[in-house]
């Protein structure tokens, strides 16, 4: 019996997925559980398993297609089985010697159906999968892009360069990630009454601690952001009102501190989650943060990696940003924006001195917390950073 290959749902709010590529082609034998295709969601690229064993047939979706969740992309048929609506099994398993050439012919025909042939006088432009996706998103014709890859193939950098030269004119097709970011941030600003608090933190001690750890040479030293994540997770454990969300039934306080870390990627922003962050030591927290960041940038996050966050930290200090205001990641009630660490002249009793300072800006949902709760939370973060 034929089994449908459908576009799976990788998250509760996912409506569509983008087919990145087939790992098997029409006519290929597949085994249940074997990786069949790669699908791009708004968070990552996920490998999808074959739902049954048999032969892949009737492939109706091509790479870069946006497909609704639940829609059939192909069929997997059993050996000797007729395709629904056909009289003969076009890709049956050979039953006698000498049938190998016939099977190859049938497989070639099936592939030809799955991938339309170029017309007379046309030539398919050599390009990487990433370049094709970027060109489609930006509405560029690959035939007009000069390739710098092997054998003149168009690479992703070539598409980005061509798009920049084309200027700001024209419309750009939204990626799944950019569309979802726009929808969620609009919802956040329309429904959550934001208020903002900022506080300066003396990071001189943190820098000294990092320097000492580097000199010890036992593995890579935690980053400035790792120290911040540790301080925030401890402050959230001490401030349960901030580790909460607004719901239709009232305010929900989360039992665990699952800290989201905003990571910039080519298409926008993803927020992988460090679970039970307040229970982790600095080294383990740094290791998990680095691993999630690496997987986020390579689009290899799994749904469990970015679901269930209770609070988010967004750091732009490495780009030289002094301070900024972030939009709350719903349904969370707060997000902490982190600026750069830089020398500043500050008061020192009756004198002045130079210290390494950083500005934190809290965006909070006024339905869940008020200014005093937010201020006390920031004080706790500052205390944990300054009293190492």
Protein backbone atom coordinates (compact mmCIF):
# COMPACT_ATOMS: atom_id res chain seq x y z
CA UNK A 1 0.00 0.00 0.00
CA UNK A 2 1.36 3.43 -0.95
CA UNK A 3 2.42 5.67 1.95
CA UNK A 4 2.27 9.46 1.68
CA UNK A 5 5.41 11.52 2.29
CA UNK A 6 4.07 14.75 3.81
CA UNK A 7 5.48 18.09 4.91
CA UNK A 8 5.93 17.59 8.66
CA UNK A 9 5.23 20.13 11.41
CA UNK A 10 8.39 20.96 13.37
CA UNK A 11 6.65 23.34 15.79
CA UNK A 12 3.23 24.20 17.13
CA UNK A 13 2.98 27.43 15.12
CA UNK A 14 4.54 26.20 11.87
CA UNK A 15 2.26 26.55 8.84
CA UNK A 16 4.66 25.84 5.98
CA UNK A 17 8.09 24.35 5.38
CA UNK A 18 10.58 24.91 2.59
CA UNK A 19 12.00 21.87 0.83
CA UNK A 20 15.79 22.29 0.75
CA UNK A 21 16.65 19.10 -1.14
CA UNK A 22 15.73 15.48 -1.62
CA UNK A 23 18.28 13.03 -0.22
CA UNK A 24 16.68 10.32 -2.38
CA UNK A 25 15.37 10.62 -5.92
CA UNK A 26 12.28 9.24 -7.63
CA UNK A 27 12.84 5.56 -8.31
CA UNK A 28 15.31 5.06 -5.43
CA UNK A 29 14.76 2.37 -2.82
CA UNK A 30 14.31 3.71 0.70
CA UNK A 31 14.24 2.13 4.14
CA UNK A 32 11.92 3.29 6.91
CA UNK A 33 13.82 5.67 9.20
CA UNK A 34 16.39 6.52 6.51
CA UNK A 35 16.91 10.24 5.89
CA UNK A 36 14.72 11.20 2.94
CA UNK A 37 14.80 15.01 2.60
CA UNK A 38 15.91 18.25 4.20
CA UNK A 39 13.26 20.77 5.24
CA UNK A 40 13.82 24.39 6.28
CA UNK A 41 11.60 25.85 8.99
CA UNK A 42 11.76 29.35 10.47
CA UNK A 43 14.44 28.10 12.89
CA UNK A 44 16.60 25.49 11.21
CA UNK A 45 17.15 22.91 8.48
CA UNK A 46 15.95 19.47 9.60
CA UNK A 47 16.51 16.05 8.03
CA UNK A 48 13.22 14.14 7.69
CA UNK A 49 13.03 10.34 7.86
CA UNK A 50 11.24 8.08 5.39
CA UNK A 51 7.87 6.99 6.88
CA UNK A 52 8.03 3.54 5.24
CA UNK A 53 10.23 1.19 3.22
CA UNK A 54 9.80 0.84 -0.52
CA UNK A 55 10.41 2.90 -3.64
CA UNK A 56 10.12 6.69 -3.82
CA UNK A 57 7.61 7.69 -6.47
CA UNK A 58 5.37 10.51 -7.71
CA UNK A 59 7.60 13.33 -6.42
CA UNK A 60 5.59 16.55 -6.76
CA UNK A 61 7.80 19.02 -4.85
CA UNK A 62 11.07 20.62 -5.90
CA UNK A 63 13.85 22.29 -3.87
CA UNK A 64 12.94 25.81 -2.69
CA UNK A 65 9.19 25.11 -2.78
CA UNK A 66 7.20 26.44 0.20
CA UNK A 67 4.75 23.69 1.13
CA UNK A 68 1.87 23.72 3.66
CA UNK A 69 2.24 21.40 6.64
CA UNK A 70 0.50 18.09 5.96
CA UNK A 71 0.63 18.34 2.14
CA UNK A 72 1.83 15.24 0.27
CA UNK A 73 5.20 15.63 -1.48
CA UNK A 74 5.68 12.09 -2.79
CA UNK A 75 4.67 8.46 -2.32
CA UNK A 76 6.56 5.39 -1.12
CA UNK A 77 5.23 2.25 -2.83
CA UNK A 78 5.89 -1.42 -2.15
CA UNK A 79 7.74 -3.64 -4.65
CA UNK A 80 5.42 -4.53 -7.53
CA UNK A 81 2.71 -2.14 -6.35
CA UNK A 82 0.74 -0.02 -8.82
CA UNK A 83 0.77 3.72 -8.31
CA UNK A 84 -2.69 4.98 -7.39
CA UNK A 85 -4.51 5.76 -10.64
CA UNK A 86 -2.14 3.75 -12.91
CA UNK A 87 -2.46 0.32 -14.48
CA UNK A 88 1.17 -0.79 -14.29
CA UNK A 89 3.86 -0.63 -11.58
CA UNK A 90 6.27 1.87 -13.24
CA UNK A 91 9.08 1.17 -10.81
CA UNK A 92 8.63 -2.45 -9.74
CA UNK A 93 11.52 -4.54 -8.44
CA UNK A 94 12.87 -6.90 -11.16
CA UNK A 95 11.90 -10.53 -10.75
CA UNK A 96 14.47 -12.14 -13.12
CA UNK A 97 18.03 -11.74 -14.33
CA UNK A 98 18.54 -9.33 -17.17
CA UNK A 99 15.91 -6.89 -15.84
CA UNK A 100 18.46 -4.44 -14.42
CA UNK A 101 18.60 -2.38 -17.61
CA UNK A 102 14.79 -2.16 -17.72
CA UNK A 103 14.70 -0.99 -14.11
CA UNK A 104 17.31 1.70 -14.87
CA UNK A 105 15.21 2.89 -17.78
CA UNK A 106 12.12 3.13 -15.60
CA UNK A 107 14.08 5.01 -12.88
CA UNK A 108 15.47 7.44 -15.45
CA UNK A 109 11.96 8.10 -16.73
CA UNK A 110 10.72 8.72 -13.19
CA UNK A 111 13.52 11.20 -12.53
CA UNK A 112 12.71 12.95 -15.79
CA UNK A 113 9.12 13.43 -14.59
CA UNK A 114 10.30 14.77 -11.23
CA UNK A 115 12.69 17.29 -12.83
CA UNK A 116 11.40 18.94 -16.05
CA UNK A 117 13.92 18.95 -18.86
CA UNK A 118 15.32 22.15 -20.24
CA UNK A 119 13.86 23.29 -23.53
CA UNK A 120 15.78 23.65 -26.80
CA UNK A 121 18.54 26.20 -26.61
CA UNK A 122 18.40 26.50 -22.80
CA UNK A 123 21.24 25.80 -20.39
CA UNK A 124 20.90 25.26 -16.65
CA UNK A 125 23.08 27.69 -14.70
CA UNK A 126 25.59 26.00 -12.39
CA UNK A 127 24.88 27.17 -8.82
CA UNK A 128 25.09 25.91 -5.26
CA UNK A 129 21.83 25.10 -3.39
CA UNK A 130 22.43 28.09 -1.09
CA UNK A 131 22.89 30.38 -4.10
CA UNK A 132 19.65 29.15 -5.66
CA UNK A 133 17.73 29.74 -2.44
CA UNK A 134 19.17 33.25 -1.99
CA UNK A 135 18.46 34.12 -5.62
CA UNK A 136 14.87 32.98 -5.27
CA UNK A 137 14.40 34.99 -2.07
CA UNK A 138 15.83 38.12 -3.71
CA UNK A 139 14.11 37.70 -7.05
CA UNK A 140 17.39 37.44 -9.00
CA UNK A 141 17.88 35.55 -12.26
CA UNK A 142 20.91 33.29 -11.79
CA UNK A 143 21.66 33.49 -15.51
CA UNK A 144 22.66 37.11 -14.99
CA UNK A 145 24.96 36.47 -12.01
CA UNK A 146 28.70 35.92 -12.58
CA UNK A 147 29.87 32.83 -10.72
CA UNK A 148 33.17 32.56 -8.87
CA UNK A 149 32.81 28.95 -7.74
CA UNK A 150 34.25 25.77 -9.28
CA UNK A 151 33.73 25.66 -13.08
CA UNK A 152 32.10 29.10 -12.88
CA UNK A 153 29.29 27.96 -10.58
CA UNK A 154 27.34 30.70 -8.83
CA UNK A 155 28.05 30.73 -5.07
CA UNK A 156 26.03 32.33 -2.28
CA UNK A 157 28.52 35.21 -2.08
CA UNK A 158 27.94 35.94 -5.78
CA UNK A 159 24.19 36.26 -5.26
CA UNK A 160 24.65 38.53 -2.24
CA UNK A 161 27.07 40.70 -4.21
CA UNK A 162 24.69 40.92 -7.16
CA UNK A 163 21.79 41.79 -4.86
CA UNK A 164 23.84 44.58 -3.25
CA UNK A 165 24.76 46.01 -6.66
CA UNK A 166 21.12 45.93 -7.71
CA UNK A 167 20.37 48.43 -4.94
CA UNK A 168 17.31 48.73 -2.77
CA UNK A 169 14.80 48.78 -5.63
CA UNK A 170 12.28 45.98 -6.16
CA UNK A 171 10.72 43.51 -3.78
CA UNK A 172 12.54 40.71 -1.96
CA UNK A 173 10.90 37.38 -1.24
CA UNK A 174 10.75 36.78 2.49
CA UNK A 175 12.43 33.72 3.93
CA UNK A 176 10.40 31.60 6.34
CA UNK A 177 12.51 32.90 9.21
CA UNK A 178 12.16 36.58 8.31
CA UNK A 179 8.38 36.23 7.85
CA UNK A 180 7.94 34.59 11.26
CA UNK A 181 10.19 37.15 12.96
CA UNK A 182 8.07 39.95 11.50
CA UNK A 183 4.84 38.34 12.62
CA UNK A 184 6.01 37.58 16.15
CA UNK A 185 7.62 40.95 16.79
CA UNK A 186 4.52 42.76 15.50
CA UNK A 187 2.35 40.65 17.80
CA UNK A 188 4.65 41.38 20.73
CA UNK A 189 4.53 45.16 20.27
CA UNK A 190 0.78 45.15 19.66
CA UNK A 191 -0.17 43.01 22.66
CA UNK A 192 2.53 43.41 25.34
CA UNK A 193 2.79 46.86 26.99
CA UNK A 194 6.59 47.22 27.02
CA UNK A 195 8.51 49.29 29.53
CA UNK A 196 12.25 49.74 29.68
CA UNK A 197 14.94 50.02 32.38
CA UNK A 198 18.70 50.34 32.00
CA UNK A 199 21.57 49.94 34.42
CA UNK A 200 25.36 50.22 34.19
CA UNK A 201 27.51 47.33 35.39
CA UNK A 202 31.20 47.37 36.31
CA UNK A 203 32.76 44.48 34.35
CA UNK A 204 36.36 45.03 35.52
CA UNK A 205 36.20 41.96 37.75
CA UNK A 206 34.77 39.78 34.98
CA UNK A 207 37.58 40.79 32.63
CA UNK A 208 40.16 39.98 35.31
CA UNK A 209 38.55 36.57 35.89
CA UNK A 210 38.58 35.81 32.16
CA UNK A 211 42.24 36.81 31.93
CA UNK A 212 43.11 34.46 34.80
CA UNK A 213 41.22 31.56 33.20
CA UNK A 214 43.02 32.12 29.89
CA UNK A 215 46.39 32.04 31.65
CA UNK A 216 45.48 28.73 33.29
CA UNK A 217 45.07 27.33 29.78
CA UNK A 218 42.53 24.66 30.74
CA UNK A 219 40.27 24.73 27.66
CA UNK A 220 38.78 27.86 26.10
CA UNK A 221 37.98 30.62 28.58
CA UNK A 222 34.25 31.50 28.94
CA UNK A 223 33.24 34.54 26.94
CA UNK A 224 31.91 37.78 28.41
CA UNK A 225 28.47 36.63 27.28
CA UNK A 226 28.85 33.38 29.22
CA UNK A 227 29.40 35.34 32.44
CA UNK A 228 26.31 37.41 31.63
CA UNK A 229 24.21 34.29 30.97
CA UNK A 230 25.34 32.85 34.31
CA UNK A 231 24.45 36.04 36.18
CA UNK A 232 21.06 36.35 34.46
CA UNK A 233 20.11 32.72 35.13
CA UNK A 234 20.96 33.11 38.85
CA UNK A 235 18.98 36.36 39.02
CA UNK A 236 15.97 34.70 37.37
CA UNK A 237 16.03 31.90 39.94
CA UNK A 238 15.95 34.58 42.63
CA UNK A 239 13.24 36.59 40.80
CA UNK A 240 10.42 34.17 39.90
CA UNK A 241 8.19 37.07 38.81
CA UNK A 242 10.58 37.72 35.89
CA UNK A 243 10.66 34.04 34.87
CA UNK A 244 7.03 34.16 33.80
CA UNK A 245 4.56 34.74 30.96
CA UNK A 246 1.16 36.33 30.40
CA UNK A 247 -1.60 33.87 29.48
CA UNK A 248 -5.36 34.14 29.04
CA UNK A 249 -5.77 32.45 32.41
CA UNK A 250 -3.37 34.78 34.22
CA UNK A 251 0.36 34.98 34.88
CA UNK A 252 2.24 31.70 34.55
CA UNK A 253 5.46 31.29 36.52
CA UNK A 254 7.84 28.74 35.06
CA UNK A 255 9.38 26.14 37.39
CA UNK A 256 12.65 26.03 35.42
CA UNK A 257 15.00 28.70 34.12
CA UNK A 258 15.28 27.96 30.40
CA UNK A 259 17.42 30.78 29.07
CA UNK A 260 17.09 31.84 25.43
CA UNK A 261 20.20 33.19 23.70
CA UNK A 262 19.58 35.36 20.62
CA UNK A 263 21.89 34.29 17.76
CA UNK A 264 22.23 36.22 14.51
CA UNK A 265 22.19 34.10 11.34
CA UNK A 266 22.19 35.04 7.66
CA UNK A 267 18.39 35.10 7.36
CA UNK A 268 17.63 36.82 10.68
CA UNK A 269 17.62 35.70 14.30
CA UNK A 270 17.11 32.45 16.17
CA UNK A 271 16.88 31.88 19.92
CA UNK A 272 18.18 28.49 21.07
CA UNK A 273 17.45 27.61 24.68
CA UNK A 274 19.81 26.56 27.49
CA UNK A 275 17.64 24.44 29.77
CA UNK A 276 17.94 24.68 33.56
CA UNK A 277 20.63 27.30 33.07
CA UNK A 278 20.63 28.31 36.76
CA UNK A 279 21.76 24.79 37.74
CA UNK A 280 24.81 24.80 35.47
CA UNK A 281 28.33 25.78 36.37
CA UNK A 282 30.04 28.45 34.30
CA UNK A 283 32.08 25.99 32.22
CA UNK A 284 29.12 23.74 31.38
CA UNK A 285 26.92 26.72 30.58
CA UNK A 286 29.63 28.09 28.27
CA UNK A 287 29.95 24.71 26.53
CA UNK A 288 26.22 24.44 25.91
CA UNK A 289 25.99 28.02 24.71
CA UNK A 290 28.83 27.48 22.22
CA UNK A 291 27.31 24.25 20.91
CA UNK A 292 23.83 25.76 20.45
CA UNK A 293 25.30 28.81 18.75
CA UNK A 294 27.29 26.62 16.35
CA UNK A 295 24.22 24.57 15.46
CA UNK A 296 22.07 27.67 15.09
CA UNK A 297 24.48 29.24 12.58
CA UNK A 298 24.68 26.00 10.59
CA UNK A 299 20.85 25.71 10.65
CA UNK A 300 21.04 22.36 12.47
CA UNK A 301 18.84 23.13 15.48
CA UNK A 302 16.18 20.60 16.42
CA UNK A 303 12.75 21.78 17.69
CA UNK A 304 13.70 20.85 21.25
CA UNK A 305 16.65 23.24 20.99
CA UNK A 306 14.52 26.36 20.56
CA UNK A 307 11.25 25.58 22.33
CA UNK A 308 10.31 26.28 25.95
CA UNK A 309 12.40 29.39 26.64
CA UNK A 310 11.37 31.44 29.69
CA UNK A 311 13.57 34.56 29.24
CA UNK A 312 15.93 35.84 26.54
CA UNK A 313 19.33 37.56 26.44
CA UNK A 314 20.34 39.52 23.31
CA UNK A 315 23.94 40.74 23.12
CA UNK A 316 25.15 43.22 20.47
CA UNK A 317 28.20 44.36 22.40
CA UNK A 318 30.55 42.48 20.08
CA UNK A 319 29.38 44.81 17.28
CA UNK A 320 30.34 47.92 19.22
CA UNK A 321 26.76 48.77 20.22
CA UNK A 322 26.75 50.78 23.46
CA UNK A 323 23.11 50.09 24.35
CA UNK A 324 19.85 49.22 22.63
CA UNK A 325 16.22 48.30 23.30
CA UNK A 326 15.01 44.79 22.40
CA UNK A 327 11.48 43.54 21.68
CA UNK A 328 10.11 40.88 24.03
CA UNK A 329 10.04 37.34 22.62
CA UNK A 330 6.44 36.22 23.29
CA UNK A 331 5.08 34.69 25.46
CA UNK A 332 8.02 35.55 27.74
CA UNK A 333 7.69 38.63 29.92
CA UNK A 334 11.20 40.00 29.48
CA UNK A 335 14.35 40.27 27.40
CA UNK A 336 17.73 41.71 28.41
CA UNK A 337 19.68 43.74 25.84
CA UNK A 338 23.44 43.79 26.42
CA UNK A 339 25.81 46.50 25.13
CA UNK A 340 29.58 46.52 24.75
CA UNK A 341 32.14 46.47 27.55
CA UNK A 342 34.36 49.56 27.27
CA UNK A 343 36.51 51.81 29.51
CA UNK A 344 34.65 54.74 31.08
CA UNK A 345 35.54 57.44 33.54
CA UNK A 346 33.39 56.88 36.65
CA UNK A 347 33.23 58.37 40.17
CA UNK A 348 35.42 56.76 42.83
CA UNK A 349 34.52 58.37 46.13
CA UNK A 350 35.73 61.96 45.92
CA UNK A 351 37.90 61.09 42.95
CA UNK A 352 37.41 59.57 39.49
CA UNK A 353 38.77 56.41 37.92
CA UNK A 354 38.54 54.37 34.71
CA UNK A 355 36.60 51.11 34.83
CA UNK A 356 35.33 48.60 32.24
CA UNK A 357 31.61 49.36 32.09
CA UNK A 358 28.60 47.82 30.32
CA UNK A 359 24.97 48.93 29.95
CA UNK A 360 22.09 46.48 30.37
CA UNK A 361 18.60 47.37 29.13
CA UNK A 362 15.59 45.37 30.31
CA UNK A 363 12.40 45.26 28.23
CA UNK A 364 9.52 43.93 30.34
CA UNK A 365 5.80 43.20 29.96
CA UNK A 366 3.86 45.55 32.27
CA UNK A 367 0.99 43.07 32.46
CA UNK A 368 3.29 40.66 34.32
CA UNK A 369 5.76 42.85 36.24
CA UNK A 370 6.17 46.46 37.22
CA UNK A 371 9.15 48.80 37.44
CA UNK A 372 10.23 47.84 40.95
CA UNK A 373 10.37 44.13 40.13
CA UNK A 374 12.37 44.88 36.96
CA UNK A 375 14.76 47.16 38.87
CA UNK A 376 15.40 44.53 41.55
CA UNK A 377 16.06 41.94 38.88
CA UNK A 378 18.67 44.20 37.25
CA UNK A 379 20.26 44.82 40.64
CA UNK A 380 20.63 41.08 41.13
CA UNK A 381 22.23 40.66 37.70
CA UNK A 382 24.67 43.48 38.47
CA UNK A 383 25.49 42.00 41.88
CA UNK A 384 26.33 38.60 40.42
CA UNK A 385 28.59 40.18 37.79
CA UNK A 386 30.39 42.59 40.12
CA UNK A 387 30.84 40.25 43.09
CA UNK A 388 32.66 37.33 41.48
